Every structure is written in C-alpha cells, then in structure tokens.
Amino acid sequence: MSSNQITDCMNEIKPERFPSTPRDERVIRWQLGRDDIFLGGVVERCDYGFPRIMLLNPLPSDETRGGVRYEAVTNIIWLTCPFLNECIHELEQEGYIEKVSALIGGDLELRTKMEAAHARFYYLRKNFYKRYFGTAPEEDRASVFNVGIAGIRDIGAIKCLHAHFAHFRICDDNVAGVITSRLLNDKINCDEVRCRNAG
C-alpha cells in the first residue's frame, strides 16, 4: 500500500473500501484451513492477486447467537497468506518474539514508536467498531478495546509477529512489523503461486 493508502486506512476503515468476492472467501478458507473466517473484506493482495490480509467482520451471526464477534474487534485484520504465515511461524519458533521484544524494549526510540503503533491500533479498533455498529463500544466491554495489537495487555511485550506484520502492511510505523519484514528479507510473495491450488 502507498503511504496515502496507509494514512487513509488508519482513518477510514470503512468495510466498503475493501471489497471481496465469493472466490476470495473460498481462497481464504483454504489458506487458513477453517470455515469460520467471518470475512469483512480483503485489505491487501499478493502480486498474484490472492488475499494476503483480510478485514474481519464483527457483525452478529447465527454462530455467535446474535452477539458481536469480539475476536474480530480485538484483531480487526488477519494475515491469511500461507507462505508468510509459515515463514513468520518459523521466526517465532527460532525465538524471534523474545529477540524482537528485547531489541525494542532496550531502545527508547524504538519503544516510543512501538507504543505509538499500539495507540494507533487502539483508535483504529474503536473507529472500526463505530463504522460497523454506529455507536461507541459499551463500557462493560472495555477490556476488549483497551488492549494493544493482537489483544496484548502489556504493550511492552510482543505477542504475535504475524499480527504485527499485518498491521505494518497498513501502518508502516509498527516497528515489530518492520523488523519482521526485514527478517524475511522483505520477501512477501511465494515463488510457486501456491494459492492457485485453492478451491
């Protein structure tokens, strides 16, 4: 995404800005290996045109017995690309959650930038909720909203590199996401076009 798109995305999380098709839905089910994807739209696609990051849909459904999908409110976006999910999982298995946490925690400038990224996500989440429901969140649900990226309560720690990478793709001030991208040598497309095998 361009910087203008990133700024827009942070201010305007309107679901209609991120259209998706029934084919996208089939592909994402295949990518994630699950049926309950509650797709709200495709935020970013890979160079081959397949979904890379999805916007979640928090609206009530039969599955939620008429209740809000709070998982969709906590995270808002998910990384769906199987190639990137595997690569980032390998980084996590190699201990990079702790290494990235230590790097950011030990540098005041990086820590300040990371805190700002959490703050942006905090406001993005509330804006997202208002876009869908037209009102501010209820006070008794504050615990769902008053958390950082990926729902983390201690914003001085890193919980999930996948979530930070996905946030970095729409908001380039996420330091943990930047570091994750660099650890991947900024390679964000697979060579084998694996999603062409999706239903």
N, C-alpha and C. Protein backbone atom coordinates (compact mmCIF):
# COMPACT_ATOMS: atom_id res chain seq x y z
N MET A 1 0.84 -1.19 0.00
CA MET A 1 0.00 0.00 0.00
C MET A 1 0.88 1.25 0.00
N SER A 2 0.40 2.30 -0.62
CA SER A 2 1.12 3.57 -0.61
C SER A 2 0.93 4.24 0.73
N SER A 3 1.79 5.30 1.01
CA SER A 3 1.61 6.00 2.28
C SER A 3 0.26 6.66 2.39
N ASN A 4 -0.28 7.14 1.27
CA ASN A 4 -1.62 7.75 1.31
C ASN A 4 -2.65 6.71 1.69
N GLN A 5 -2.53 5.52 1.11
CA GLN A 5 -3.48 4.44 1.44
C GLN A 5 -3.35 4.06 2.91
N ILE A 6 -2.12 4.03 3.41
CA ILE A 6 -1.90 3.67 4.81
C ILE A 6 -2.57 4.70 5.71
N THR A 7 -2.34 6.00 5.43
CA THR A 7 -2.96 7.05 6.24
C THR A 7 -4.47 6.94 6.17
N ASP A 8 -5.00 6.76 4.95
CA ASP A 8 -6.44 6.61 4.77
C ASP A 8 -6.96 5.44 5.59
N CYS A 9 -6.22 4.32 5.50
CA CYS A 9 -6.68 3.10 6.15
C CYS A 9 -6.77 3.30 7.66
N MET A 10 -5.83 4.04 8.20
CA MET A 10 -5.85 4.27 9.63
C MET A 10 -7.02 5.16 10.03
N ASN A 11 -7.42 6.05 9.14
CA ASN A 11 -8.51 6.98 9.47
C ASN A 11 -9.87 6.48 9.02
N GLU A 12 -9.89 5.74 7.93
CA GLU A 12 -11.16 5.32 7.33
C GLU A 12 -11.15 3.81 7.13
N ILE A 13 -11.64 3.08 8.09
CA ILE A 13 -11.64 1.62 8.00
C ILE A 13 -12.99 1.14 7.48
N LYS A 14 -13.59 1.91 6.58
CA LYS A 14 -14.89 1.54 6.03
C LYS A 14 -14.79 0.19 5.33
N PRO A 15 -15.64 -0.76 5.69
CA PRO A 15 -15.58 -2.09 5.06
C PRO A 15 -15.72 -2.02 3.54
N GLU A 16 -16.51 -1.07 3.03
CA GLU A 16 -16.73 -1.00 1.58
C GLU A 16 -15.46 -0.63 0.81
N ARG A 17 -14.44 -0.15 1.51
CA ARG A 17 -13.17 0.16 0.84
C ARG A 17 -12.37 -1.11 0.53
N PHE A 18 -12.77 -2.22 1.13
CA PHE A 18 -12.02 -3.47 0.98
C PHE A 18 -12.93 -4.57 0.46
N PRO A 19 -13.31 -4.50 -0.81
CA PRO A 19 -14.25 -5.49 -1.34
C PRO A 19 -13.64 -6.89 -1.39
N SER A 20 -14.52 -7.87 -1.42
CA SER A 20 -14.09 -9.26 -1.57
C SER A 20 -15.13 -9.98 -2.39
N THR A 21 -14.76 -11.13 -2.90
CA THR A 21 -15.64 -11.92 -3.76
C THR A 21 -15.86 -13.29 -3.12
N PRO A 22 -16.86 -14.04 -3.60
CA PRO A 22 -17.02 -15.41 -3.11
C PRO A 22 -15.75 -16.24 -3.33
N ARG A 23 -15.04 -15.97 -4.42
CA ARG A 23 -13.78 -16.70 -4.67
C ARG A 23 -12.76 -16.37 -3.58
N ASP A 24 -12.67 -15.09 -3.20
CA ASP A 24 -11.76 -14.71 -2.11
C ASP A 24 -12.09 -15.49 -0.85
N GLU A 25 -13.38 -15.61 -0.58
CA GLU A 25 -13.80 -16.33 0.63
C GLU A 25 -13.36 -17.79 0.57
N ARG A 26 -13.51 -18.42 -0.60
CA ARG A 26 -13.06 -19.82 -0.76
C ARG A 26 -11.55 -19.92 -0.57
N VAL A 27 -10.83 -18.97 -1.18
CA VAL A 27 -9.36 -19.00 -1.08
C VAL A 27 -8.92 -18.84 0.38
N ILE A 28 -9.54 -17.90 1.10
CA ILE A 28 -9.14 -17.67 2.49
C ILE A 28 -9.47 -18.88 3.36
N ARG A 29 -10.60 -19.52 3.10
CA ARG A 29 -10.90 -20.76 3.85
C ARG A 29 -9.79 -21.79 3.62
N TRP A 30 -9.36 -21.90 2.38
CA TRP A 30 -8.28 -22.83 2.04
C TRP A 30 -6.97 -22.39 2.70
N GLN A 31 -6.67 -21.10 2.63
CA GLN A 31 -5.43 -20.59 3.20
C GLN A 31 -5.33 -20.87 4.70
N LEU A 32 -6.43 -20.64 5.39
CA LEU A 32 -6.43 -20.77 6.86
C LEU A 32 -6.83 -22.16 7.34
N GLY A 33 -7.38 -22.97 6.42
CA GLY A 33 -7.80 -24.31 6.80
C GLY A 33 -8.95 -24.32 7.78
N ARG A 34 -9.86 -23.34 7.63
CA ARG A 34 -11.01 -23.27 8.53
C ARG A 34 -12.19 -22.65 7.79
N ASP A 35 -13.39 -22.97 8.25
CA ASP A 35 -14.60 -22.45 7.60
C ASP A 35 -15.10 -21.15 8.22
N ASP A 36 -14.87 -20.98 9.52
CA ASP A 36 -15.42 -19.81 10.22
C ASP A 36 -14.48 -18.61 10.09
N ILE A 37 -14.46 -18.00 8.91
CA ILE A 37 -13.50 -16.92 8.68
C ILE A 37 -14.09 -15.52 8.87
N PHE A 38 -15.41 -15.40 8.93
CA PHE A 38 -16.10 -14.11 9.07
C PHE A 38 -15.38 -12.96 8.35
N LEU A 39 -15.34 -13.08 7.03
CA LEU A 39 -14.65 -12.13 6.16
C LEU A 39 -15.40 -10.81 6.04
N GLY A 40 -14.67 -9.71 6.27
CA GLY A 40 -15.25 -8.38 6.09
C GLY A 40 -14.73 -7.71 4.83
N GLY A 41 -13.62 -8.21 4.29
CA GLY A 41 -13.05 -7.64 3.07
C GLY A 41 -11.59 -8.04 2.94
N VAL A 42 -11.02 -7.79 1.77
CA VAL A 42 -9.60 -8.08 1.54
C VAL A 42 -8.84 -6.76 1.58
N VAL A 43 -7.96 -6.63 2.55
CA VAL A 43 -7.21 -5.39 2.75
C VAL A 43 -6.01 -5.32 1.82
N GLU A 44 -5.36 -6.47 1.61
CA GLU A 44 -4.19 -6.49 0.73
C GLU A 44 -4.11 -7.82 0.01
N ARG A 45 -3.65 -7.75 -1.24
CA ARG A 45 -3.47 -8.94 -2.07
C ARG A 45 -1.99 -9.11 -2.41
N CYS A 46 -1.60 -10.34 -2.70
CA CYS A 46 -0.24 -10.59 -3.13
C CYS A 46 -0.09 -10.21 -4.60
N ASP A 47 1.11 -10.34 -5.13
CA ASP A 47 1.36 -9.99 -6.53
C ASP A 47 0.57 -10.86 -7.50
N TYR A 48 0.09 -12.02 -7.02
CA TYR A 48 -0.67 -12.92 -7.89
C TYR A 48 -2.17 -12.67 -7.79
N GLY A 49 -2.57 -11.71 -6.96
CA GLY A 49 -3.98 -11.36 -6.85
C GLY A 49 -4.75 -12.08 -5.77
N PHE A 50 -4.08 -12.92 -4.98
CA PHE A 50 -4.76 -13.65 -3.92
C PHE A 50 -4.76 -12.84 -2.62
N PRO A 51 -5.75 -13.06 -1.75
CA PRO A 51 -5.78 -12.34 -0.48
C PRO A 51 -4.52 -12.59 0.35
N ARG A 52 -3.99 -11.51 0.91
CA ARG A 52 -2.85 -11.62 1.82
C ARG A 52 -3.27 -11.25 3.24
N ILE A 53 -4.07 -10.19 3.36
CA ILE A 53 -4.57 -9.73 4.66
C ILE A 53 -6.06 -9.48 4.54
N MET A 54 -6.81 -10.01 5.49
CA MET A 54 -8.26 -9.83 5.46
C MET A 54 -8.72 -8.93 6.59
N LEU A 55 -9.81 -8.22 6.32
CA LEU A 55 -10.51 -7.45 7.35
C LEU A 55 -11.57 -8.38 7.92
N LEU A 56 -11.68 -8.42 9.23
CA LEU A 56 -12.67 -9.29 9.87
C LEU A 56 -14.02 -8.59 9.97
N ASN A 57 -15.06 -9.39 10.06
CA ASN A 57 -16.43 -8.88 10.16
C ASN A 57 -16.96 -9.18 11.56
N PRO A 58 -17.22 -8.15 12.37
CA PRO A 58 -17.65 -8.38 13.74
C PRO A 58 -19.16 -8.52 13.92
N LEU A 59 -19.92 -8.42 12.82
CA LEU A 59 -21.38 -8.41 12.95
C LEU A 59 -21.92 -9.72 13.51
N PRO A 60 -22.99 -9.65 14.28
CA PRO A 60 -23.58 -10.86 14.86
C PRO A 60 -24.02 -11.84 13.77
N SER A 61 -24.02 -13.10 14.13
CA SER A 61 -24.46 -14.14 13.20
C SER A 61 -25.07 -15.28 14.00
N ASP A 62 -25.56 -16.29 13.28
CA ASP A 62 -26.10 -17.47 13.97
C ASP A 62 -25.04 -18.12 14.85
N GLU A 63 -23.77 -18.13 14.34
CA GLU A 63 -22.68 -18.76 15.09
C GLU A 63 -22.43 -18.07 16.43
N THR A 64 -22.68 -16.75 16.48
CA THR A 64 -22.43 -16.00 17.72
C THR A 64 -23.71 -15.81 18.53
N ARG A 65 -24.78 -16.49 18.09
CA ARG A 65 -26.09 -16.39 18.77
C ARG A 65 -26.53 -14.94 18.93
N GLY A 66 -26.28 -14.16 17.87
CA GLY A 66 -26.73 -12.77 17.87
C GLY A 66 -25.79 -11.80 18.56
N GLY A 67 -24.66 -12.30 19.07
CA GLY A 67 -23.71 -11.43 19.76
C GLY A 67 -22.61 -10.93 18.83
N VAL A 68 -21.95 -9.88 19.23
CA VAL A 68 -20.84 -9.32 18.47
C VAL A 68 -19.69 -10.32 18.45
N ARG A 69 -19.01 -10.42 17.31
CA ARG A 69 -17.81 -11.27 17.23
C ARG A 69 -16.64 -10.47 17.80
N TYR A 70 -16.40 -10.61 19.07
CA TYR A 70 -15.36 -9.79 19.71
C TYR A 70 -13.95 -10.18 19.28
N GLU A 71 -13.77 -11.40 18.81
CA GLU A 71 -12.46 -11.78 18.26
C GLU A 71 -12.12 -10.89 17.08
N ALA A 72 -13.15 -10.55 16.27
CA ALA A 72 -12.94 -9.69 15.11
C ALA A 72 -12.66 -8.26 15.52
N VAL A 73 -13.15 -7.85 16.67
CA VAL A 73 -12.91 -6.49 17.16
C VAL A 73 -11.51 -6.39 17.77
N THR A 74 -11.08 -7.44 18.45
CA THR A 74 -9.76 -7.42 19.08
C THR A 74 -8.65 -7.34 18.04
N ASN A 75 -8.77 -8.12 16.97
CA ASN A 75 -7.70 -8.21 15.98
C ASN A 75 -7.92 -7.38 14.72
N ILE A 76 -9.14 -7.23 14.28
CA ILE A 76 -9.55 -6.46 13.09
C ILE A 76 -9.04 -7.05 11.79
N ILE A 77 -7.73 -7.31 11.72
CA ILE A 77 -7.15 -7.85 10.49
C ILE A 77 -6.38 -9.14 10.79
N TRP A 78 -6.35 -10.01 9.78
CA TRP A 78 -5.58 -11.25 9.89
C TRP A 78 -4.70 -11.41 8.66
N LEU A 79 -3.51 -11.94 8.89
CA LEU A 79 -2.64 -12.36 7.81
C LEU A 79 -3.15 -13.72 7.34
N THR A 80 -3.47 -13.84 6.04
CA THR A 80 -4.02 -15.10 5.54
C THR A 80 -3.05 -15.87 4.65
N CYS A 81 -2.04 -15.20 4.11
CA CYS A 81 -1.11 -15.81 3.16
C CYS A 81 -0.39 -17.00 3.81
N PRO A 82 -0.55 -18.21 3.26
CA PRO A 82 0.09 -19.38 3.88
C PRO A 82 1.62 -19.31 3.84
N PHE A 83 2.17 -18.74 2.78
CA PHE A 83 3.62 -18.60 2.67
C PHE A 83 4.16 -17.73 3.81
N LEU A 84 3.56 -16.55 3.99
CA LEU A 84 4.02 -15.65 5.05
C LEU A 84 3.72 -16.21 6.44
N ASN A 85 2.57 -16.85 6.59
CA ASN A 85 2.26 -17.44 7.89
C ASN A 85 3.30 -18.49 8.28
N GLU A 86 3.72 -19.30 7.31
CA GLU A 86 4.74 -20.32 7.59
C GLU A 86 6.09 -19.68 7.91
N CYS A 87 6.49 -18.70 7.09
CA CYS A 87 7.79 -18.05 7.30
C CYS A 87 7.85 -17.37 8.67
N ILE A 88 6.78 -16.67 9.03
CA ILE A 88 6.76 -15.96 10.31
C ILE A 88 6.67 -16.95 11.47
N HIS A 89 5.95 -18.05 11.27
CA HIS A 89 5.90 -19.09 12.30
C HIS A 89 7.31 -19.63 12.57
N GLU A 90 8.09 -19.81 11.51
CA GLU A 90 9.48 -20.29 11.69
C GLU A 90 10.30 -19.29 12.50
N LEU A 91 10.11 -18.00 12.22
CA LEU A 91 10.82 -16.98 13.00
C LEU A 91 10.44 -17.08 14.48
N GLU A 92 9.15 -17.27 14.74
CA GLU A 92 8.70 -17.38 16.12
C GLU A 92 9.30 -18.62 16.79
N GLN A 93 9.37 -19.73 16.04
CA GLN A 93 9.95 -20.96 16.58
C GLN A 93 11.43 -20.78 16.90
N GLU A 94 12.08 -19.86 16.18
CA GLU A 94 13.51 -19.59 16.40
C GLU A 94 13.74 -18.57 17.51
N GLY A 95 12.67 -18.19 18.20
CA GLY A 95 12.80 -17.30 19.35
C GLY A 95 12.76 -15.82 19.04
N TYR A 96 12.27 -15.47 17.86
CA TYR A 96 12.30 -14.06 17.49
C TYR A 96 11.26 -13.19 18.20
N ILE A 97 10.24 -13.78 18.78
CA ILE A 97 9.32 -12.96 19.58
C ILE A 97 10.12 -12.33 20.73
N GLU A 98 10.89 -13.15 21.43
CA GLU A 98 11.69 -12.66 22.55
C GLU A 98 12.79 -11.72 22.08
N LYS A 99 13.44 -12.06 20.95
CA LYS A 99 14.54 -11.23 20.45
C LYS A 99 14.04 -9.86 20.02
N VAL A 100 12.92 -9.82 19.31
CA VAL A 100 12.36 -8.53 18.86
C VAL A 100 11.89 -7.73 20.07
N SER A 101 11.27 -8.40 21.04
CA SER A 101 10.84 -7.73 22.28
C SER A 101 12.03 -7.08 22.99
N ALA A 102 13.11 -7.84 23.10
CA ALA A 102 14.30 -7.33 23.80
C ALA A 102 14.92 -6.15 23.05
N LEU A 103 14.97 -6.25 21.73
CA LEU A 103 15.53 -5.17 20.91
C LEU A 103 14.74 -3.88 21.09
N ILE A 104 13.41 -3.99 20.97
CA ILE A 104 12.56 -2.80 21.10
C ILE A 104 12.58 -2.27 22.54
N GLY A 105 12.51 -3.19 23.50
CA GLY A 105 12.49 -2.79 24.91
C GLY A 105 13.77 -2.09 25.35
N GLY A 106 14.88 -2.40 24.68
CA GLY A 106 16.16 -1.82 25.07
C GLY A 106 16.51 -0.53 24.35
N ASP A 107 15.63 -0.03 23.52
CA ASP A 107 15.90 1.18 22.74
C ASP A 107 14.73 2.15 22.90
N LEU A 108 14.99 3.29 23.53
CA LEU A 108 13.92 4.25 23.83
C LEU A 108 13.18 4.70 22.58
N GLU A 109 13.90 4.97 21.51
CA GLU A 109 13.25 5.45 20.28
C GLU A 109 12.34 4.38 19.68
N LEU A 110 12.83 3.15 19.61
CA LEU A 110 12.01 2.06 19.08
C LEU A 110 10.80 1.80 19.97
N ARG A 111 11.04 1.85 21.29
CA ARG A 111 9.95 1.61 22.24
C ARG A 111 8.86 2.68 22.10
N THR A 112 9.27 3.92 21.92
CA THR A 112 8.31 5.03 21.77
C THR A 112 7.50 4.85 20.48
N LYS A 113 8.18 4.45 19.40
CA LYS A 113 7.47 4.21 18.13
C LYS A 113 6.48 3.06 18.26
N MET A 114 6.90 2.03 18.99
CA MET A 114 6.02 0.87 19.15
C MET A 114 4.80 1.23 19.99
N GLU A 115 5.00 2.03 21.01
CA GLU A 115 3.87 2.49 21.83
C GLU A 115 2.90 3.31 20.99
N ALA A 116 3.44 4.13 20.08
CA ALA A 116 2.59 4.93 19.18
C ALA A 116 1.80 4.02 18.25
N ALA A 117 2.42 2.94 17.77
CA ALA A 117 1.71 1.99 16.89
C ALA A 117 0.56 1.32 17.64
N HIS A 118 0.79 0.95 18.89
CA HIS A 118 -0.28 0.37 19.70
C HIS A 118 -1.42 1.38 19.89
N ALA A 119 -1.05 2.65 20.13
CA ALA A 119 -2.07 3.69 20.31
C ALA A 119 -2.89 3.87 19.04
N ARG A 120 -2.23 3.85 17.89
CA ARG A 120 -2.95 3.97 16.61
C ARG A 120 -3.92 2.81 16.44
N PHE A 121 -3.47 1.62 16.80
CA PHE A 121 -4.32 0.45 16.64
C PHE A 121 -5.51 0.52 17.59
N TYR A 122 -5.27 1.05 18.77
CA TYR A 122 -6.33 1.24 19.77
C TYR A 122 -7.44 2.11 19.18
N TYR A 123 -7.07 3.24 18.57
CA TYR A 123 -8.08 4.13 17.98
C TYR A 123 -8.67 3.54 16.71
N LEU A 124 -7.86 2.82 15.95
CA LEU A 124 -8.36 2.14 14.76
C LEU A 124 -9.44 1.14 15.13
N ARG A 125 -9.22 0.39 16.21
CA ARG A 125 -10.18 -0.61 16.66
C ARG A 125 -11.51 0.05 17.05
N LYS A 126 -11.44 1.15 17.79
CA LYS A 126 -12.68 1.84 18.19
C LYS A 126 -13.40 2.43 16.99
N ASN A 127 -12.64 2.98 16.04
CA ASN A 127 -13.22 3.53 14.81
C ASN A 127 -13.89 2.42 14.00
N PHE A 128 -13.22 1.27 13.94
CA PHE A 128 -13.74 0.10 13.23
C PHE A 128 -15.09 -0.32 13.81
N TYR A 129 -15.16 -0.37 15.13
CA TYR A 129 -16.41 -0.77 15.80
C TYR A 129 -17.52 0.23 15.47
N LYS A 130 -17.22 1.51 15.55
CA LYS A 130 -18.23 2.54 15.26
C LYS A 130 -18.70 2.47 13.82
N ARG A 131 -17.79 2.13 12.90
CA ARG A 131 -18.17 2.00 11.48
C ARG A 131 -19.21 0.90 11.30
N TYR A 132 -19.04 -0.18 12.03
CA TYR A 132 -19.96 -1.31 11.89
C TYR A 132 -21.25 -1.13 12.68
N PHE A 133 -21.15 -0.56 13.88
CA PHE A 133 -22.31 -0.53 14.78
C PHE A 133 -22.90 0.85 15.02
N GLY A 134 -22.19 1.90 14.57
CA GLY A 134 -22.74 3.25 14.67
C GLY A 134 -22.67 3.87 16.05
N THR A 135 -22.13 3.15 17.02
CA THR A 135 -22.03 3.68 18.39
C THR A 135 -20.66 3.34 18.97
N ALA A 136 -20.34 4.01 20.05
CA ALA A 136 -19.10 3.68 20.77
C ALA A 136 -19.30 2.35 21.49
N PRO A 137 -18.22 1.64 21.77
CA PRO A 137 -18.33 0.37 22.50
C PRO A 137 -18.95 0.55 23.88
N GLU A 138 -19.63 -0.49 24.35
CA GLU A 138 -20.22 -0.45 25.69
C GLU A 138 -19.12 -0.51 26.74
N GLU A 139 -19.35 0.18 27.84
CA GLU A 139 -18.35 0.26 28.92
C GLU A 139 -17.95 -1.11 29.45
N ASP A 140 -18.92 -2.04 29.52
CA ASP A 140 -18.61 -3.35 30.10
C ASP A 140 -17.74 -4.20 29.18
N ARG A 141 -17.48 -3.70 27.97
CA ARG A 141 -16.59 -4.41 27.05
C ARG A 141 -15.24 -3.71 26.91
N ALA A 142 -14.93 -2.84 27.83
CA ALA A 142 -13.69 -2.06 27.75
C ALA A 142 -12.46 -2.95 27.63
N SER A 143 -12.48 -4.12 28.27
CA SER A 143 -11.31 -5.00 28.24
C SER A 143 -10.98 -5.48 26.83
N VAL A 144 -11.99 -5.53 25.96
CA VAL A 144 -11.77 -5.96 24.57
C VAL A 144 -11.09 -4.85 23.78
N PHE A 145 -11.39 -3.60 24.12
CA PHE A 145 -10.92 -2.46 23.34
C PHE A 145 -9.65 -1.83 23.88
N ASN A 146 -9.46 -1.88 25.18
CA ASN A 146 -8.33 -1.19 25.80
C ASN A 146 -7.10 -2.07 25.88
N VAL A 147 -6.75 -2.64 24.75
CA VAL A 147 -5.58 -3.51 24.65
C VAL A 147 -4.80 -3.13 23.39
N GLY A 148 -3.60 -3.66 23.28
CA GLY A 148 -2.76 -3.33 22.13
C GLY A 148 -3.01 -4.25 20.95
N ILE A 149 -2.09 -4.23 20.02
CA ILE A 149 -2.15 -5.06 18.81
C ILE A 149 -2.22 -6.53 19.21
N ALA A 150 -3.09 -7.28 18.54
CA ALA A 150 -3.30 -8.71 18.81
C ALA A 150 -3.90 -8.96 20.19
N GLY A 151 -4.47 -7.90 20.79
CA GLY A 151 -5.13 -8.06 22.08
C GLY A 151 -4.19 -8.12 23.27
N ILE A 152 -2.94 -7.72 23.06
CA ILE A 152 -1.97 -7.82 24.16
C ILE A 152 -2.24 -6.75 25.22
N ARG A 153 -2.12 -7.15 26.49
CA ARG A 153 -2.38 -6.20 27.58
C ARG A 153 -1.11 -5.43 27.96
N ASP A 154 0.03 -6.10 27.88
CA ASP A 154 1.31 -5.44 28.19
C ASP A 154 1.94 -5.00 26.88
N ILE A 155 1.77 -3.73 26.53
CA ILE A 155 2.26 -3.27 25.22
C ILE A 155 3.79 -3.17 25.17
N GLY A 156 4.44 -3.46 26.29
CA GLY A 156 5.89 -3.51 26.28
C GLY A 156 6.41 -4.86 25.79
N ALA A 157 5.51 -5.78 25.54
CA ALA A 157 5.90 -7.13 25.08
C ALA A 157 5.36 -7.36 23.67
N ILE A 158 5.89 -8.37 23.01
CA ILE A 158 5.42 -8.77 21.69
C ILE A 158 4.69 -10.09 21.85
N LYS A 159 3.49 -10.18 21.28
CA LYS A 159 2.70 -11.40 21.44
C LYS A 159 2.75 -12.26 20.18
N CYS A 160 2.67 -11.63 19.01
CA CYS A 160 2.50 -12.39 17.77
C CYS A 160 3.09 -11.61 16.61
N LEU A 161 4.14 -12.13 16.00
CA LEU A 161 4.78 -11.43 14.88
C LEU A 161 3.86 -11.36 13.67
N HIS A 162 2.97 -12.35 13.51
CA HIS A 162 2.02 -12.32 12.39
C HIS A 162 1.15 -11.07 12.46
N ALA A 163 0.63 -10.79 13.66
CA ALA A 163 -0.26 -9.64 13.84
C ALA A 163 0.48 -8.33 13.61
N HIS A 164 1.72 -8.25 14.08
CA HIS A 164 2.50 -7.02 13.89
C HIS A 164 2.85 -6.83 12.42
N PHE A 165 3.16 -7.91 11.73
CA PHE A 165 3.47 -7.80 10.30
C PHE A 165 2.24 -7.32 9.53
N ALA A 166 1.08 -7.90 9.82
CA ALA A 166 -0.16 -7.49 9.14
C ALA A 166 -0.45 -6.02 9.40
N HIS A 167 -0.27 -5.59 10.65
CA HIS A 167 -0.50 -4.18 10.99
C HIS A 167 0.50 -3.28 10.27
N PHE A 168 1.75 -3.70 10.18
CA PHE A 168 2.79 -2.95 9.47
C PHE A 168 2.41 -2.73 8.01
N ARG A 169 1.73 -3.70 7.41
CA ARG A 169 1.36 -3.57 6.00
C ARG A 169 0.33 -2.47 5.77
N ILE A 170 -0.42 -2.10 6.82
CA ILE A 170 -1.37 -0.99 6.66
C ILE A 170 -0.93 0.26 7.42
N CYS A 171 0.05 0.10 8.30
CA CYS A 171 0.51 1.22 9.12
C CYS A 171 2.01 1.06 9.31
N ASP A 172 2.78 1.77 8.49
CA ASP A 172 4.21 1.47 8.43
C ASP A 172 5.03 1.95 9.62
N ASP A 173 4.38 2.39 10.70
CA ASP A 173 5.16 2.77 11.88
C ASP A 173 5.21 1.65 12.93
N ASN A 174 4.73 0.46 12.58
CA ASN A 174 4.80 -0.66 13.51
C ASN A 174 6.21 -1.26 13.46
N VAL A 175 7.01 -0.94 14.46
CA VAL A 175 8.42 -1.34 14.46
C VAL A 175 8.59 -2.86 14.43
N ALA A 176 7.80 -3.57 15.22
CA ALA A 176 7.90 -5.03 15.24
C ALA A 176 7.58 -5.60 13.87
N GLY A 177 6.61 -5.00 13.18
CA GLY A 177 6.27 -5.43 11.83
C GLY A 177 7.38 -5.14 10.84
N VAL A 178 8.02 -3.97 10.98
CA VAL A 178 9.15 -3.61 10.11
C VAL A 178 10.27 -4.62 10.30
N ILE A 179 10.59 -4.92 11.55
CA ILE A 179 11.67 -5.87 11.84
C ILE A 179 11.34 -7.24 11.26
N THR A 180 10.09 -7.67 11.42
CA THR A 180 9.67 -8.96 10.88
C THR A 180 9.86 -8.99 9.37
N SER A 181 9.46 -7.91 8.71
CA SER A 181 9.61 -7.84 7.26
C SER A 181 11.08 -7.93 6.86
N ARG A 182 11.95 -7.25 7.61
CA ARG A 182 13.39 -7.29 7.31
C ARG A 182 13.95 -8.69 7.54
N LEU A 183 13.47 -9.36 8.59
CA LEU A 183 13.92 -10.73 8.84
C LEU A 183 13.53 -11.67 7.70
N LEU A 184 12.46 -11.31 7.00
CA LEU A 184 12.02 -12.08 5.82
C LEU A 184 12.72 -11.60 4.56
N ASN A 185 13.68 -10.68 4.73
CA ASN A 185 14.34 -10.03 3.59
C ASN A 185 13.33 -9.35 2.67
N ASP A 186 12.25 -8.89 3.28
CA ASP A 186 11.16 -8.22 2.55
C ASP A 186 10.58 -9.07 1.42
N LYS A 187 10.76 -10.38 1.51
CA LYS A 187 10.16 -11.29 0.52
C LYS A 187 8.75 -11.62 0.99
N ILE A 188 7.76 -11.07 0.31
CA ILE A 188 6.38 -11.25 0.77
C ILE A 188 5.50 -12.00 -0.23
N ASN A 189 6.11 -12.50 -1.31
CA ASN A 189 5.37 -13.33 -2.27
C ASN A 189 6.09 -14.66 -2.43
N CYS A 190 5.33 -15.74 -2.49
CA CYS A 190 5.93 -17.06 -2.71
C CYS A 190 6.35 -17.16 -4.18
N ASP A 191 7.15 -18.16 -4.50
CA ASP A 191 7.57 -18.37 -5.89
C ASP A 191 6.64 -19.30 -6.64
N GLU A 192 5.98 -20.20 -5.89
CA GLU A 192 5.23 -21.28 -6.54
C GLU A 192 3.75 -20.96 -6.76
N VAL A 193 3.31 -19.77 -6.38
CA VAL A 193 1.89 -19.37 -6.52
C VAL A 193 1.00 -20.46 -5.90
N ARG A 194 1.26 -20.77 -4.65
CA ARG A 194 0.58 -21.92 -4.03
C ARG A 194 -0.93 -21.75 -3.93
N CYS A 195 -1.44 -20.52 -3.87
CA CYS A 195 -2.89 -20.33 -3.69
C CYS A 195 -3.68 -20.62 -4.96
N ARG A 196 -3.00 -20.86 -6.06
CA ARG A 196 -3.75 -21.27 -7.26
C ARG A 196 -4.36 -22.65 -7.05
N ASN A 197 -3.89 -23.37 -6.03
CA ASN A 197 -4.45 -24.68 -5.70
C ASN A 197 -5.70 -24.59 -4.84
N ALA A 198 -6.04 -23.35 -4.42
CA ALA A 198 -7.23 -23.17 -3.58
C ALA A 198 -8.49 -23.41 -4.39
N GLY A 199 -9.55 -23.93 -3.70
CA GLY A 199 -10.83 -24.20 -4.34
C GLY A 199 -11.26 -23.11 -5.24
